Amino acid sequence: MSVSQDVEMAVDPTLDKLLLRAIENKRLLRFRYKGSERIAEPHDYGIDNGMARLLCWQVGGRSNGRVPGWRLINVGEMQNCEMIERRFSGNRDVPSGKHHQWERVFIRVEPPDKLG
């Protein structure tokens, strides 16, 4: 059973499982969103304003905003999503010190692994 079972009707179950797996394994995603290919570190997946959304750090591809940069993606509008081999270290510090406020978080990326 999926962590995000309550959004199964709004989010394709295959995409739901892919997002959960990518965050758990700290793997980058490649997907199309609003007509542009994007490559991003998935950080948080949850419900925001009644919609399934993904908070990610976009590291490649095209966007209307600065790259790299934070993006809040409507999961239902993601297309051709795939997990790629490239990994990332974990969560990032937010300059403001504030984290996005969710109605519900299904999964959040873990901090970077500590060496030693």
PDB file of N, CA and C in Angstrom:
ATOM      1  N   MET A   1       0.850  -1.193   0.000  1.00  0.00           N
ATOM      2  CA  MET A   1       0.000   0.000   0.000  1.00  0.00           C
ATOM      3  C   MET A   1       0.886   1.243   0.000  1.00  0.00           C
ATOM      4  N   SER A   2       0.538   2.188  -0.821  1.00  0.00           N
ATOM      5  CA  SER A   2       1.318   3.408  -0.973  1.00  0.00           C
ATOM      6  C   SER A   2       1.123   4.343   0.224  1.00  0.00           C
ATOM      7  N   VAL A   3       2.188   5.067   0.566  1.00  0.00           N
ATOM      8  CA  VAL A   3       2.106   6.072   1.630  1.00  0.00           C
ATOM      9  C   VAL A   3       1.051   7.108   1.275  1.00  0.00           C
ATOM     10  N   SER A   4       0.965   7.429   0.001  1.00  0.00           N
ATOM     11  CA  SER A   4       0.076   8.490  -0.461  1.00  0.00           C
ATOM     12  C   SER A   4      -1.216   7.935  -1.054  1.00  0.00           C
ATOM     13  N   GLN A   5      -1.731   6.894  -0.459  1.00  0.00           N
ATOM     14  CA  GLN A   5      -2.902   6.196  -0.987  1.00  0.00           C
ATOM     15  C   GLN A   5      -4.087   7.130  -1.215  1.00  0.00           C
ATOM     16  N   ASP A   6      -4.257   8.148  -0.402  1.00  0.00           N
ATOM     17  CA  ASP A   6      -5.423   9.019  -0.524  1.00  0.00           C
ATOM     18  C   ASP A   6      -5.400   9.909  -1.762  1.00  0.00           C
ATOM     19  N   VAL A   7      -4.287   9.957  -2.493  1.00  0.00           N
ATOM     20  CA  VAL A   7      -4.268  10.738  -3.732  1.00  0.00           C
ATOM     21  C   VAL A   7      -4.227   9.845  -4.963  1.00  0.00           C
ATOM     22  N   GLU A   8      -4.483   8.558  -4.784  1.00  0.00           N
ATOM     23  CA  GLU A   8      -4.423   7.643  -5.916  1.00  0.00           C
ATOM     24  C   GLU A   8      -5.329   8.084  -7.057  1.00  0.00           C
ATOM     25  N   MET A   9      -6.465   8.675  -6.764  1.00  0.00           N
ATOM     26  CA  MET A   9      -7.385   9.101  -7.816  1.00  0.00           C
ATOM     27  C   MET A   9      -6.821  10.299  -8.587  1.00  0.00           C
ATOM     28  N   ALA A  10      -6.019  11.130  -7.927  1.00  0.00           N
ATOM     29  CA  ALA A  10      -5.493  12.339  -8.562  1.00  0.00           C
ATOM     30  C   ALA A  10      -4.122  12.113  -9.201  1.00  0.00           C
ATOM     31  N   VAL A  11      -3.366  11.143  -8.701  1.00  0.00           N
ATOM     32  CA  VAL A  11      -2.013  10.905  -9.186  1.00  0.00           C
ATOM     33  C   VAL A  11      -1.932   9.462  -9.689  1.00  0.00           C
ATOM     34  N   ASP A  12      -1.334   9.307 -10.867  1.00  0.00           N
ATOM     35  CA  ASP A  12      -1.122   7.979 -11.415  1.00  0.00           C
ATOM     36  C   ASP A  12      -0.346   7.141 -10.406  1.00  0.00           C
ATOM     37  N   PRO A  13      -0.810   5.931 -10.081  1.00  0.00           N
ATOM     38  CA  PRO A  13      -0.128   5.110  -9.074  1.00  0.00           C
ATOM     39  C   PRO A  13       1.338   4.811  -9.419  1.00  0.00           C
ATOM     40  N   THR A  14       1.657   4.665 -10.686  1.00  0.00           N
ATOM     41  CA  THR A  14       3.043   4.414 -11.089  1.00  0.00           C
ATOM     42  C   THR A  14       3.906   5.630 -10.786  1.00  0.00           C
ATOM     43  N   LEU A  15       3.398   6.837 -11.076  1.00  0.00           N
ATOM     44  CA  LEU A  15       4.130   8.070 -10.772  1.00  0.00           C
ATOM     45  C   LEU A  15       4.282   8.237  -9.265  1.00  0.00           C
ATOM     46  N   ASP A  16       3.224   7.954  -8.519  1.00  0.00           N
ATOM     47  CA  ASP A  16       3.256   8.038  -7.058  1.00  0.00           C
ATOM     48  C   ASP A  16       4.395   7.188  -6.500  1.00  0.00           C
ATOM     49  N   LYS A  17       4.486   5.938  -6.932  1.00  0.00           N
ATOM     50  CA  LYS A  17       5.533   5.030  -6.450  1.00  0.00           C
ATOM     51  C   LYS A  17       6.915   5.514  -6.876  1.00  0.00           C
ATOM     52  N   LEU A  18       7.020   6.047  -8.089  1.00  0.00           N
ATOM     53  CA  LEU A  18       8.294   6.562  -8.588  1.00  0.00           C
ATOM     54  C   LEU A  18       8.779   7.734  -7.739  1.00  0.00           C
ATOM     55  N   LEU A  19       7.888   8.656  -7.396  1.00  0.00           N
ATOM     56  CA  LEU A  19       8.264   9.807  -6.573  1.00  0.00           C
ATOM     57  C   LEU A  19       8.724   9.356  -5.186  1.00  0.00           C
ATOM     58  N   LEU A  20       7.989   8.436  -4.595  1.00  0.00           N
ATOM     59  CA  LEU A  20       8.365   7.928  -3.276  1.00  0.00           C
ATOM     60  C   LEU A  20       9.739   7.265  -3.316  1.00  0.00           C
ATOM     61  N   ARG A  21       9.982   6.444  -4.329  1.00  0.00           N
ATOM     62  CA  ARG A  21      11.244   5.729  -4.467  1.00  0.00           C
ATOM     63  C   ARG A  21      12.407   6.689  -4.731  1.00  0.00           C
ATOM     64  N   ALA A  22      12.178   7.687  -5.583  1.00  0.00           N
ATOM     65  CA  ALA A  22      13.240   8.650  -5.893  1.00  0.00           C
ATOM     66  C   ALA A  22      13.652   9.437  -4.648  1.00  0.00           C
ATOM     67  N   ILE A  23      12.693   9.863  -3.853  1.00  0.00           N
ATOM     68  CA  ILE A  23      13.013  10.615  -2.634  1.00  0.00           C
ATOM     69  C   ILE A  23      13.714   9.711  -1.626  1.00  0.00           C
ATOM     70  N   GLU A  24      13.211   8.519  -1.456  1.00  0.00           N
ATOM     71  CA  GLU A  24      13.815   7.587  -0.498  1.00  0.00           C
ATOM     72  C   GLU A  24      15.258   7.259  -0.880  1.00  0.00           C
ATOM     73  N   ASN A  25      15.538   7.138  -2.170  1.00  0.00           N
ATOM     74  CA  ASN A  25      16.873   6.752  -2.642  1.00  0.00           C
ATOM     75  C   ASN A  25      17.736   7.931  -3.082  1.00  0.00           C
ATOM     76  N   LYS A  26      17.236   9.156  -2.921  1.00  0.00           N
ATOM     77  CA  LYS A  26      17.969  10.383  -3.272  1.00  0.00           C
ATOM     78  C   LYS A  26      18.458  10.334  -4.716  1.00  0.00           C
ATOM     79  N   ARG A  27      17.525  10.065  -5.630  1.00  0.00           N
ATOM     80  CA  ARG A  27      17.840   9.983  -7.058  1.00  0.00           C
ATOM     81  C   ARG A  27      17.131  11.114  -7.788  1.00  0.00           C
ATOM     82  N   LEU A  28      17.797  11.690  -8.772  1.00  0.00           N
ATOM     83  CA  LEU A  28      17.223  12.781  -9.553  1.00  0.00           C
ATOM     84  C   LEU A  28      16.120  12.280 -10.483  1.00  0.00           C
ATOM     85  N   LEU A  29      15.222  13.198 -10.820  1.00  0.00           N
ATOM     86  CA  LEU A  29      14.136  12.922 -11.750  1.00  0.00           C
ATOM     87  C   LEU A  29      14.311  13.755 -13.010  1.00  0.00           C
ATOM     88  N   ARG A  30      13.897  13.188 -14.133  1.00  0.00           N
ATOM     89  CA  ARG A  30      13.791  13.928 -15.389  1.00  0.00           C
ATOM     90  C   ARG A  30      12.312  13.857 -15.770  1.00  0.00           C
ATOM     91  N   PHE A  31      11.719  15.019 -16.096  1.00  0.00           N
ATOM     92  CA  PHE A  31      10.306  15.048 -16.456  1.00  0.00           C
ATOM     93  C   PHE A  31      10.002  16.285 -17.282  1.00  0.00           C
ATOM     94  N   ARG A  32       8.829  16.285 -17.902  1.00  0.00           N
ATOM     95  CA  ARG A  32       8.342  17.457 -18.626  1.00  0.00           C
ATOM     96  C   ARG A  32       7.276  18.122 -17.750  1.00  0.00           C
ATOM     97  N   TYR A  33       7.333  19.440 -17.704  1.00  0.00           N
ATOM     98  CA  TYR A  33       6.369  20.210 -16.909  1.00  0.00           C
ATOM     99  C   TYR A  33       6.186  21.559 -17.588  1.00  0.00           C
ATOM    100  N   LYS A  34       4.946  21.902 -17.871  1.00  0.00           N
ATOM    101  CA  LYS A  34       4.632  23.165 -18.542  1.00  0.00           C
ATOM    102  C   LYS A  34       5.456  23.348 -19.821  1.00  0.00           C
ATOM    103  N   GLY A  35       5.591  22.260 -20.590  1.00  0.00           N
ATOM    104  CA  GLY A  35       6.246  22.313 -21.884  1.00  0.00           C
ATOM    105  C   GLY A  35       7.760  22.255 -21.883  1.00  0.00           C
ATOM    106  N   SER A  36       8.390  22.136 -20.709  1.00  0.00           N
ATOM    107  CA  SER A  36       9.857  22.117 -20.639  1.00  0.00           C
ATOM    108  C   SER A  36      10.355  20.861 -19.946  1.00  0.00           C
ATOM    109  N   GLU A  37      11.482  20.337 -20.456  1.00  0.00           N
ATOM    110  CA  GLU A  37      12.123  19.235 -19.755  1.00  0.00           C
ATOM    111  C   GLU A  37      12.885  19.796 -18.564  1.00  0.00           C
ATOM    112  N   ARG A  38      12.794  19.098 -17.447  1.00  0.00           N
ATOM    113  CA  ARG A  38      13.460  19.532 -16.220  1.00  0.00           C
ATOM    114  C   ARG A  38      14.183  18.357 -15.586  1.00  0.00           C
ATOM    115  N   ILE A  39      15.262  18.643 -14.903  1.00  0.00           N
ATOM    116  CA  ILE A  39      15.980  17.650 -14.109  1.00  0.00           C
ATOM    117  C   ILE A  39      16.055  18.235 -12.707  1.00  0.00           C
ATOM    118  N   ALA A  40      15.619  17.435 -11.731  1.00  0.00           N
ATOM    119  CA  ALA A  40      15.480  17.996 -10.391  1.00  0.00           C
ATOM    120  C   ALA A  40      15.721  16.968  -9.298  1.00  0.00           C
ATOM    121  N   GLU A  41      16.162  17.478  -8.144  1.00  0.00           N
ATOM    122  CA  GLU A  41      16.268  16.699  -6.916  1.00  0.00           C
ATOM    123  C   GLU A  41      14.897  16.751  -6.242  1.00  0.00           C
ATOM    124  N   PRO A  42      14.216  15.625  -6.068  1.00  0.00           N
ATOM    125  CA  PRO A  42      12.930  15.646  -5.370  1.00  0.00           C
ATOM    126  C   PRO A  42      13.149  15.710  -3.855  1.00  0.00           C
ATOM    127  N   HIS A  43      12.552  16.689  -3.198  1.00  0.00           N
ATOM    128  CA  HIS A  43      12.769  16.858  -1.762  1.00  0.00           C
ATOM    129  C   HIS A  43      11.550  16.521  -0.921  1.00  0.00           C
ATOM    130  N   ASP A  44      10.407  17.105  -1.191  1.00  0.00           N
ATOM    131  CA  ASP A  44       9.176  16.832  -0.438  1.00  0.00           C
ATOM    132  C   ASP A  44       8.067  16.470  -1.404  1.00  0.00           C
ATOM    133  N   TYR A  45       7.227  15.546  -0.987  1.00  0.00           N
ATOM    134  CA  TYR A  45       6.060  15.145  -1.765  1.00  0.00           C
ATOM    135  C   TYR A  45       4.899  15.118  -0.793  1.00  0.00           C
ATOM    136  N   GLY A  46       3.826  15.864  -1.108  1.00  0.00           N
ATOM    137  CA  GLY A  46       2.701  15.911  -0.189  1.00  0.00           C
ATOM    138  C   GLY A  46       1.530  16.666  -0.764  1.00  0.00           C
ATOM    139  N   ILE A  47       0.649  17.063   0.142  1.00  0.00           N
ATOM    140  CA  ILE A  47      -0.559  17.799  -0.225  1.00  0.00           C
ATOM    141  C   ILE A  47      -0.372  19.256   0.187  1.00  0.00           C
ATOM    142  N   ASP A  48      -0.601  20.151  -0.766  1.00  0.00           N
ATOM    143  CA  ASP A  48      -0.503  21.591  -0.560  1.00  0.00           C
ATOM    144  C   ASP A  48      -1.713  22.213  -1.252  1.00  0.00           C
ATOM    145  N   ASN A  49      -2.520  22.956  -0.521  1.00  0.00           N
ATOM    146  CA  ASN A  49      -3.739  23.556  -1.064  1.00  0.00           C
ATOM    147  C   ASN A  49      -4.621  22.521  -1.755  1.00  0.00           C
ATOM    148  N   GLY A  50      -4.720  21.329  -1.153  1.00  0.00           N
ATOM    149  CA  GLY A  50      -5.592  20.277  -1.665  1.00  0.00           C
ATOM    150  C   GLY A  50      -5.067  19.546  -2.891  1.00  0.00           C
ATOM    151  N   MET A  51      -3.829  19.836  -3.306  1.00  0.00           N
ATOM    152  CA  MET A  51      -3.264  19.208  -4.494  1.00  0.00           C
ATOM    153  C   MET A  51      -1.989  18.448  -4.152  1.00  0.00           C
ATOM    154  N   ALA A  52      -1.736  17.354  -4.891  1.00  0.00           N
ATOM    155  CA  ALA A  52      -0.475  16.634  -4.748  1.00  0.00           C
ATOM    156  C   ALA A  52       0.612  17.471  -5.407  1.00  0.00           C
ATOM    157  N   ARG A  53       1.662  17.775  -4.644  1.00  0.00           N
ATOM    158  CA  ARG A  53       2.745  18.612  -5.164  1.00  0.00           C
ATOM    159  C   ARG A  53       4.089  18.041  -4.762  1.00  0.00           C
ATOM    160  N   LEU A  54       5.094  18.411  -5.555  1.00  0.00           N
ATOM    161  CA  LEU A  54       6.469  17.998  -5.318  1.00  0.00           C
ATOM    162  C   LEU A  54       7.318  19.253  -5.177  1.00  0.00           C
ATOM    163  N   LEU A  55       8.028  19.363  -4.073  1.00  0.00           N
ATOM    164  CA  LEU A  55       8.994  20.442  -3.896  1.00  0.00           C
ATOM    165  C   LEU A  55      10.337  19.885  -4.330  1.00  0.00           C
ATOM    166  N   CYS A  56      10.943  20.545  -5.298  1.00  0.00           N
ATOM    167  CA  CYS A  56      12.208  20.031  -5.826  1.00  0.00           C
ATOM    168  C   CYS A  56      13.185  21.165  -6.091  1.00  0.00           C
ATOM    169  N   TRP A  57      14.451  20.791  -6.148  1.00  0.00           N
ATOM    170  CA  TRP A  57      15.542  21.709  -6.488  1.00  0.00           C
ATOM    171  C   TRP A  57      15.910  21.399  -7.923  1.00  0.00           C
ATOM    172  N   GLN A  58      15.514  22.266  -8.852  1.00  0.00           N
ATOM    173  CA  GLN A  58      15.780  22.031 -10.262  1.00  0.00           C
ATOM    174  C   GLN A  58      17.239  22.338 -10.562  1.00  0.00           C
ATOM    175  N   VAL A  59      17.922  21.350 -11.143  1.00  0.00           N
ATOM    176  CA  VAL A  59      19.353  21.495 -11.432  1.00  0.00           C
ATOM    177  C   VAL A  59      19.650  21.562 -12.926  1.00  0.00           C
ATOM    178  N   GLY A  60      18.683  21.227 -13.764  1.00  0.00           N
ATOM    179  CA  GLY A  60      18.927  21.228 -15.203  1.00  0.00           C
ATOM    180  C   GLY A  60      17.638  21.358 -15.976  1.00  0.00           C
ATOM    181  N   GLY A  61      17.780  21.487 -17.284  1.00  0.00           N
ATOM    182  CA  GLY A  61      16.615  21.662 -18.137  1.00  0.00           C
ATOM    183  C   GLY A  61      16.236  23.130 -18.232  1.00  0.00           C
ATOM    184  N   ARG A  62      14.992  23.364 -18.619  1.00  0.00           N
ATOM    185  CA  ARG A  62      14.515  24.731 -18.829  1.00  0.00           C
ATOM    186  C   ARG A  62      13.418  25.074 -17.823  1.00  0.00           C
ATOM    187  N   SER A  63      13.287  26.371 -17.565  1.00  0.00           N
ATOM    188  CA  SER A  63      12.268  26.866 -16.645  1.00  0.00           C
ATOM    189  C   SER A  63      12.099  28.361 -16.869  1.00  0.00           C
ATOM    190  N   ASN A  64      10.985  28.898 -16.425  1.00  0.00           N
ATOM    191  CA  ASN A  64      10.793  30.354 -16.466  1.00  0.00           C
ATOM    192  C   ASN A  64      11.620  31.047 -15.395  1.00  0.00           C
ATOM    193  N   GLY A  65      11.990  30.295 -14.362  1.00  0.00           N
ATOM    194  CA  GLY A  65      12.794  30.853 -13.273  1.00  0.00           C
ATOM    195  C   GLY A  65      14.257  30.494 -13.426  1.00  0.00           C
ATOM    196  N   ARG A  66      15.048  30.957 -12.487  1.00  0.00           N
ATOM    197  CA  ARG A  66      16.495  30.713 -12.462  1.00  0.00           C
ATOM    198  C   ARG A  66      16.779  29.235 -12.188  1.00  0.00           C
ATOM    199  N   VAL A  67      17.744  28.678 -12.884  1.00  0.00           N
ATOM    200  CA  VAL A  67      18.186  27.303 -12.660  1.00  0.00           C
ATOM    201  C   VAL A  67      19.657  27.361 -12.263  1.00  0.00           C
ATOM    202  N   PRO A  68      20.070  26.777 -11.157  1.00  0.00           N
ATOM    203  CA  PRO A  68      19.243  25.966 -10.263  1.00  0.00           C
ATOM    204  C   PRO A  68      18.324  26.827  -9.402  1.00  0.00           C
ATOM    205  N   GLY A  69      17.273  26.184  -8.910  1.00  0.00           N
ATOM    206  CA  GLY A  69      16.342  26.885  -8.040  1.00  0.00           C
ATOM    207  C   GLY A  69      15.218  25.975  -7.565  1.00  0.00           C
ATOM    208  N   TRP A  70      14.526  26.434  -6.519  1.00  0.00           N
ATOM    209  CA  TRP A  70      13.405  25.681  -5.946  1.00  0.00           C
ATOM    210  C   TRP A  70      12.189  25.790  -6.852  1.00  0.00           C
ATOM    211  N   ARG A  71      11.458  24.686  -6.977  1.00  0.00           N
ATOM    212  CA  ARG A  71      10.212  24.637  -7.734  1.00  0.00           C
ATOM    213  C   ARG A  71       9.178  23.858  -6.939  1.00  0.00           C
ATOM    214  N   LEU A  72       7.931  24.318  -7.009  1.00  0.00           N
ATOM    215  CA  LEU A  72       6.794  23.596  -6.445  1.00  0.00           C
ATOM    216  C   LEU A  72       5.975  23.121  -7.636  1.00  0.00           C
ATOM    217  N   ILE A  73       5.970  21.818  -7.872  1.00  0.00           N
ATOM    218  CA  ILE A  73       5.412  21.209  -9.073  1.00  0.00           C
ATOM    219  C   ILE A  73       4.066  20.554  -8.760  1.00  0.00           C
ATOM    220  N   ASN A  74       3.065  20.811  -9.595  1.00  0.00           N
ATOM    221  CA  ASN A  74       1.787  20.101  -9.487  1.00  0.00           C
ATOM    222  C   ASN A  74       2.001  18.713 -10.096  1.00  0.00           C
ATOM    223  N   VAL A  75       1.952  17.692  -9.267  1.00  0.00           N
ATOM    224  CA  VAL A  75       2.279  16.336  -9.696  1.00  0.00           C
ATOM    225  C   VAL A  75       1.380  15.879 -10.850  1.00  0.00           C
ATOM    226  N   GLY A  76       0.119  16.254 -10.829  1.00  0.00           N
ATOM    227  CA  GLY A  76      -0.807  15.855 -11.878  1.00  0.00           C
ATOM    228  C   GLY A  76      -0.457  16.400 -13.250  1.00  0.00           C
ATOM    229  N   GLU A  77       0.425  17.401 -13.311  1.00  0.00           N
ATOM    230  CA  GLU A  77       0.831  17.990 -14.583  1.00  0.00           C
ATOM    231  C   GLU A  77       2.203  17.504 -15.049  1.00  0.00           C
ATOM    232  N   MET A  78       2.842  16.617 -14.279  1.00  0.00           N
ATOM    233  CA  MET A  78       4.139  16.073 -14.677  1.00  0.00           C
ATOM    234  C   MET A  78       3.925  15.053 -15.792  1.00  0.00           C
ATOM    235  N   GLN A  79       4.831  15.056 -16.768  1.00  0.00           N
ATOM    236  CA  GLN A  79       4.753  14.105 -17.877  1.00  0.00           C
ATOM    237  C   GLN A  79       6.106  13.435 -18.066  1.00  0.00           C
ATOM    238  N   ASN A  80       6.061  12.194 -18.569  1.00  0.00           N
ATOM    239  CA  ASN A  80       7.279  11.442 -18.922  1.00  0.00           C
ATOM    240  C   ASN A  80       8.308  11.436 -17.793  1.00  0.00           C
ATOM    241  N   CYS A  81       7.848  11.227 -16.587  1.00  0.00           N
ATOM    242  CA  CYS A  81       8.746  11.260 -15.429  1.00  0.00           C
ATOM    243  C   CYS A  81       9.545   9.961 -15.334  1.00  0.00           C
ATOM    244  N   GLU A  82      10.855  10.121 -15.134  1.00  0.00           N
ATOM    245  CA  GLU A  82      11.715   8.963 -14.933  1.00  0.00           C
ATOM    246  C   GLU A  82      12.789   9.292 -13.903  1.00  0.00           C
ATOM    247  N   MET A  83      13.169   8.264 -13.160  1.00  0.00           N
ATOM    248  CA  MET A  83      14.253   8.405 -12.200  1.00  0.00           C
ATOM    249  C   MET A  83      15.544   8.120 -12.966  1.00  0.00           C
ATOM    250  N   ILE A  84      16.543   8.983 -12.792  1.00  0.00           N
ATOM    251  CA  ILE A  84      17.808   8.774 -13.487  1.00  0.00           C
ATOM    252  C   ILE A  84      18.851   8.263 -12.496  1.00  0.00           C
ATOM    253  N   GLU A  85      19.968   7.791 -13.024  1.00  0.00           N
ATOM    254  CA  GLU A  85      21.006   7.178 -12.186  1.00  0.00           C
ATOM    255  C   GLU A  85      21.644   8.153 -11.202  1.00  0.00           C
ATOM    256  N   ARG A  86      21.703   9.425 -11.567  1.00  0.00           N
ATOM    257  CA  ARG A  86      22.397  10.418 -10.742  1.00  0.00           C
ATOM    258  C   ARG A  86      21.734  10.576  -9.378  1.00  0.00           C
ATOM    259  N   ARG A  87      22.554  10.588  -8.362  1.00  0.00           N
ATOM    260  CA  ARG A  87      22.063  10.751  -6.981  1.00  0.00           C
ATOM    261  C   ARG A  87      22.390  12.156  -6.476  1.00  0.00           C
ATOM    262  N   PHE A  88      21.747  12.550  -5.399  1.00  0.00           N
ATOM    263  CA  PHE A  88      22.080  13.799  -4.715  1.00  0.00           C
ATOM    264  C   PHE A  88      22.241  13.486  -3.243  1.00  0.00           C
ATOM    265  N   SER A  89      22.890  14.394  -2.508  1.00  0.00           N
ATOM    266  CA  SER A  89      23.305  14.078  -1.143  1.00  0.00           C
ATOM    267  C   SER A  89      22.177  14.091  -0.112  1.00  0.00           C
ATOM    268  N   GLY A  90      21.129  14.877  -0.346  1.00  0.00           N
ATOM    269  CA  GLY A  90      20.036  14.939   0.628  1.00  0.00           C
ATOM    270  C   GLY A  90      19.466  16.334   0.692  1.00  0.00           C
ATOM    271  N   ASN A  91      18.827  16.639   1.823  1.00  0.00           N
ATOM    272  CA  ASN A  91      18.156  17.934   1.911  1.00  0.00           C
ATOM    273  C   ASN A  91      19.149  19.088   1.821  1.00  0.00           C
ATOM    274  N   ARG A  92      18.623  20.262   1.504  1.00  0.00           N
ATOM    275  CA  ARG A  92      19.443  21.471   1.356  1.00  0.00           C
ATOM    276  C   ARG A  92      19.017  22.484   2.407  1.00  0.00           C
ATOM    277  N   ASP A  93      19.971  23.298   2.815  1.00  0.00           N
ATOM    278  CA  ASP A  93      19.629  24.405   3.712  1.00  0.00           C
ATOM    279  C   ASP A  93      18.816  25.424   2.931  1.00  0.00           C
ATOM    280  N   VAL A  94      17.806  25.975   3.585  1.00  0.00           N
ATOM    281  CA  VAL A  94      16.984  27.010   2.972  1.00  0.00           C
ATOM    282  C   VAL A  94      17.465  28.343   3.531  1.00  0.00           C
ATOM    283  N   PRO A  95      17.844  29.301   2.660  1.00  0.00           N
ATOM    284  CA  PRO A  95      18.391  30.572   3.141  1.00  0.00           C
ATOM    285  C   PRO A  95      17.526  31.266   4.191  1.00  0.00           C
ATOM    286  N   SER A  96      16.212  31.181   4.047  1.00  0.00           N
ATOM    287  CA  SER A  96      15.317  31.850   4.998  1.00  0.00           C
ATOM    288  C   SER A  96      15.219  31.096   6.315  1.00  0.00           C
ATOM    289  N   GLY A  97      15.644  29.818   6.296  1.00  0.00           N
ATOM    290  CA  GLY A  97      15.509  28.994   7.492  1.00  0.00           C
ATOM    291  C   GLY A  97      14.105  28.442   7.669  1.00  0.00           C
ATOM    292  N   LYS A  98      13.192  28.813   6.778  1.00  0.00           N
ATOM    293  CA  LYS A  98      11.805  28.354   6.864  1.00  0.00           C
ATOM    294  C   LYS A  98      11.572  27.258   5.840  1.00  0.00           C
ATOM    295  N   HIS A  99      10.773  26.282   6.221  1.00  0.00           N
ATOM    296  CA  HIS A  99      10.446  25.187   5.320  1.00  0.00           C
ATOM    297  C   HIS A  99       9.031  25.386   4.791  1.00  0.00           C
ATOM    298  N   HIS A 100       8.772  24.867   3.600  1.00  0.00           N
ATOM    299  CA  HIS A 100       7.432  24.965   3.014  1.00  0.00           C
ATOM    300  C   HIS A 100       6.404  24.358   3.969  1.00  0.00           C
ATOM    301  N   GLN A 101       5.272  24.993   4.107  1.00  0.00           N
ATOM    302  CA  GLN A 101       4.204  24.491   4.970  1.00  0.00           C
ATOM    303  C   GLN A 101       3.239  23.630   4.159  1.00  0.00           C
ATOM    304  N   TRP A 102       3.137  22.374   4.523  1.00  0.00           N
ATOM    305  CA  TRP A 102       2.290  21.400   3.837  1.00  0.00           C
ATOM    306  C   TRP A 102       1.047  21.101   4.654  1.00  0.00           C
ATOM    307  N   GLU A 103      -0.024  20.714   3.976  1.00  0.00           N
ATOM    308  CA  GLU A 103      -1.183  20.166   4.689  1.00  0.00           C
ATOM    309  C   GLU A 103      -0.832  18.770   5.193  1.00  0.00           C
ATOM    310  N   ARG A 104      -0.119  18.041   4.335  1.00  0.00           N
ATOM    311  CA  ARG A 104       0.334  16.700   4.698  1.00  0.00           C
ATOM    312  C   ARG A 104       1.566  16.371   3.869  1.00  0.00           C
ATOM    313  N   VAL A 105       2.582  15.814   4.503  1.00  0.00           N
ATOM    314  CA  VAL A 105       3.794  15.382   3.809  1.00  0.00           C
ATOM    315  C   VAL A 105       3.785  13.857   3.767  1.00  0.00           C
ATOM    316  N   PHE A 106       3.914  13.297   2.555  1.00  0.00           N
ATOM    317  CA  PHE A 106       3.996  11.843   2.413  1.00  0.00           C
ATOM    318  C   PHE A 106       5.412  11.372   2.698  1.00  0.00           C
ATOM    319  N   ILE A 107       6.378  12.110   2.153  1.00  0.00           N
ATOM    320  CA  ILE A 107       7.778  11.739   2.332  1.00  0.00           C
ATOM    321  C   ILE A 107       8.626  12.998   2.154  1.00  0.00           C
ATOM    322  N   ARG A 108       9.707  13.052   2.918  1.00  0.00           N
ATOM    323  CA  ARG A 108      10.662  14.177   2.854  1.00  0.00           C
ATOM    324  C   ARG A 108      12.064  13.566   2.766  1.00  0.00           C
ATOM    325  N   VAL A 109      12.898  14.120   1.923  1.00  0.00           N
ATOM    326  CA  VAL A 109      14.241  13.577   1.760  1.00  0.00           C
ATOM    327  C   VAL A 109      15.009  13.698   3.075  1.00  0.00           C
ATOM    328  N   GLU A 110      15.854  12.708   3.316  1.00  0.00           N
ATOM    329  CA  GLU A 110      16.664  12.682   4.529  1.00  0.00           C
ATOM    330  C   GLU A 110      17.849  13.634   4.389  1.00  0.00           C
ATOM    331  N   PRO A 111      18.445  14.026   5.516  1.00  0.00           N
ATOM    332  CA  PRO A 111      19.662  14.848   5.458  1.00  0.00           C
ATOM    333  C   PRO A 111      20.793  14.086   4.768  1.00  0.00           C
ATOM    334  N   PRO A 112      21.821  14.815   4.317  1.00  0.00           N
ATOM    335  CA  PRO A 112      22.968  14.136   3.710  1.00  0.00           C
ATOM    336  C   PRO A 112      23.587  13.146   4.681  1.00  0.00           C
ATOM    337  N   ASP A 113      24.120  12.053   4.130  1.00  0.00           N
ATOM    338  CA  ASP A 113      24.811  11.058   4.959  1.00  0.00           C
ATOM    339  C   ASP A 113      26.048  11.697   5.558  1.00  0.00           C
ATOM    340  N   LYS A 114      26.257  11.457   6.831  1.00  0.00           N
ATOM    341  CA  LYS A 114      27.441  11.969   7.529  1.00  0.00           C
ATOM    342  C   LYS A 114      28.579  10.967   7.382  1.00  0.00           C
ATOM    343  N   LEU A 115      29.730  11.462   7.022  1.00  0.00           N
ATOM    344  CA  LEU A 115      30.895  10.584   6.918  1.00  0.00           C
ATOM    345  C   LEU A 115      31.622  10.543   8.261  1.00  0.00           C
ATOM    346  N   GLY A 116      32.161   9.374   8.579  1.00  0.00           N
ATOM    347  CA  GLY A 116      32.958   9.240   9.789  1.00  0.00           C
ATOM    348  C   GLY A 116      32.086   8.932  10.911  1.00  0.00           C
TER     349      GLY A 116
END
